[in-house]
């Protein structure tokens, strides 16, 4: 009984991590709009990028914790690691000021994050 409750907590942590990641990506889209219209938009988008990257790392941690101790499927870990790679590419493209790839990748990341959230 205690093992089942622990597994539920790990899955809840994974669900929370994915939800946080999805929220931070959405807020990045909002701050991108502010980037074009407000003087503080660049600062907000830059801080948001760091928070989004941290949320992606939290997603990896949550996926590993849900997988390793309980012997669950490896698929969420692969998804989380793939998402961290996408987030890394997104950060590099943002720093390099390549909006022609940075924006569509952001939309893709948001869609994938919503899909991952719906699957949990």
Protein backbone atom coordinates (compact mmCIF):
# COMPACT_ATOMS: atom_id res chain seq x y z
CA UNK A 1 0.00 0.00 0.00
CA UNK A 2 2.81 2.43 0.89
CA UNK A 3 4.63 1.59 -2.36
CA UNK A 4 1.55 2.44 -4.38
CA UNK A 5 1.18 5.78 -2.58
CA UNK A 6 4.85 6.57 -3.22
CA UNK A 7 4.44 5.78 -6.92
CA UNK A 8 1.41 8.08 -7.04
CA UNK A 9 3.44 10.89 -5.46
CA UNK A 10 6.19 10.43 -8.04
CA UNK A 11 3.68 10.58 -10.86
CA UNK A 12 2.10 13.66 -9.30
CA UNK A 13 5.54 15.29 -9.14
CA UNK A 14 6.03 14.45 -12.82
CA UNK A 15 2.63 15.93 -13.69
CA UNK A 16 3.44 19.10 -11.73
CA UNK A 17 6.83 19.42 -13.45
CA UNK A 18 5.24 19.12 -16.90
CA UNK A 19 2.54 21.65 -15.97
CA UNK A 20 5.18 24.09 -14.71
CA UNK A 21 7.16 23.67 -17.90
CA UNK A 22 4.06 24.28 -20.02
CA UNK A 23 3.21 27.38 -18.03
CA UNK A 24 6.72 28.82 -18.36
CA UNK A 25 6.71 28.28 -22.11
CA UNK A 26 3.35 30.03 -22.38
CA UNK A 27 4.71 32.93 -20.32
CA UNK A 28 7.68 33.08 -22.68
CA UNK A 29 5.26 33.67 -25.55
CA UNK A 30 3.66 36.49 -23.58
CA UNK A 31 7.02 38.03 -22.76
CA UNK A 32 8.03 37.74 -26.43
CA UNK A 33 5.09 39.98 -27.26
CA UNK A 34 6.24 42.40 -24.56
CA UNK A 35 9.72 42.22 -26.05
CA UNK A 36 8.30 43.95 -29.12
CA UNK A 37 6.22 46.55 -27.28
CA UNK A 38 7.68 47.37 -23.84
CA UNK A 39 11.06 48.53 -22.64
CA UNK A 40 11.18 45.85 -19.93
CA UNK A 41 10.24 43.06 -22.36
CA UNK A 42 13.81 42.01 -23.05
CA UNK A 43 14.60 41.62 -19.35
CA UNK A 44 11.39 39.70 -18.72
CA UNK A 45 12.02 37.38 -21.68
CA UNK A 46 15.62 36.78 -20.59
CA UNK A 47 14.61 35.91 -17.02
CA UNK A 48 11.77 33.77 -18.36
CA UNK A 49 14.23 31.82 -20.51
CA UNK A 50 16.23 30.89 -17.42
CA UNK A 51 13.09 29.85 -15.55
CA UNK A 52 11.88 27.80 -18.54
CA UNK A 53 15.25 26.05 -18.77
CA UNK A 54 15.11 25.30 -15.05
CA UNK A 55 11.59 23.90 -15.48
CA UNK A 56 12.91 21.64 -18.26
CA UNK A 57 15.63 20.36 -15.94
CA UNK A 58 13.01 19.78 -13.23
CA UNK A 59 11.00 17.74 -15.77
CA UNK A 60 14.05 15.52 -16.36
CA UNK A 61 14.54 15.06 -12.61
CA UNK A 62 10.87 14.22 -12.09
CA UNK A 63 10.90 11.74 -14.97
CA UNK A 64 14.00 9.99 -13.61
CA UNK A 65 12.50 9.84 -10.11
CA UNK A 66 9.26 8.39 -11.48
CA UNK A 67 11.18 5.80 -13.51
CA UNK A 68 14.14 4.61 -11.49
CA UNK A 69 12.81 3.64 -8.05
CA UNK A 70 9.53 2.21 -9.28
CA UNK A 71 10.84 0.55 -12.41
CA UNK A 72 8.34 2.45 -14.54
CA UNK A 73 8.62 2.99 -18.29
CA UNK A 74 11.67 4.77 -19.69
CA UNK A 75 9.61 6.77 -22.22
CA UNK A 76 9.01 9.83 -19.96
CA UNK A 77 12.75 10.09 -19.31
CA UNK A 78 13.47 10.07 -23.05
CA UNK A 79 10.78 12.69 -23.64
CA UNK A 80 12.14 14.89 -20.84
CA UNK A 81 15.72 14.61 -22.12
CA UNK A 82 14.59 15.36 -25.66
CA UNK A 83 12.75 18.40 -24.37
CA UNK A 84 15.86 19.58 -22.53
CA UNK A 85 17.77 19.32 -25.80
CA UNK A 86 15.08 21.40 -27.54
CA UNK A 87 15.23 23.96 -24.72
CA UNK A 88 19.02 24.15 -25.11
CA UNK A 89 18.70 24.74 -28.84
CA UNK A 90 16.02 27.35 -28.15
CA UNK A 91 18.30 29.23 -25.75
CA UNK A 92 21.20 29.18 -28.23
CA UNK A 93 18.95 30.43 -31.04
CA UNK A 94 17.59 33.19 -28.82
CA UNK A 95 21.06 34.36 -27.84
CA UNK A 96 22.13 34.25 -31.50
CA UNK A 97 19.03 36.30 -32.47
CA UNK A 98 17.69 33.82 -35.03
CA UNK A 99 13.93 34.48 -34.75
CA UNK A 100 13.12 32.61 -37.97
CA UNK A 101 13.87 29.33 -36.15
CA UNK A 102 13.50 30.49 -32.53
CA UNK A 103 9.79 31.34 -32.82
CA UNK A 104 8.59 28.18 -34.62
CA UNK A 105 10.64 26.05 -32.23
CA UNK A 106 8.96 27.81 -29.31
CA UNK A 107 5.54 27.01 -30.76
CA UNK A 108 6.60 23.38 -31.27
CA UNK A 109 7.88 23.17 -27.70
CA UNK A 110 4.62 24.54 -26.33
CA UNK A 111 2.62 22.03 -28.35
CA UNK A 112 4.81 19.13 -27.24
CA UNK A 113 4.60 20.24 -23.63
CA UNK A 114 0.79 20.44 -23.78
CA UNK A 115 0.75 16.99 -25.38
CA UNK A 116 2.99 15.58 -22.62
CA UNK A 117 0.73 17.15 -20.02
CA UNK A 118 -2.36 15.65 -21.63
CA UNK A 119 -0.74 12.20 -21.65
CA UNK A 120 -0.03 12.29 -17.91
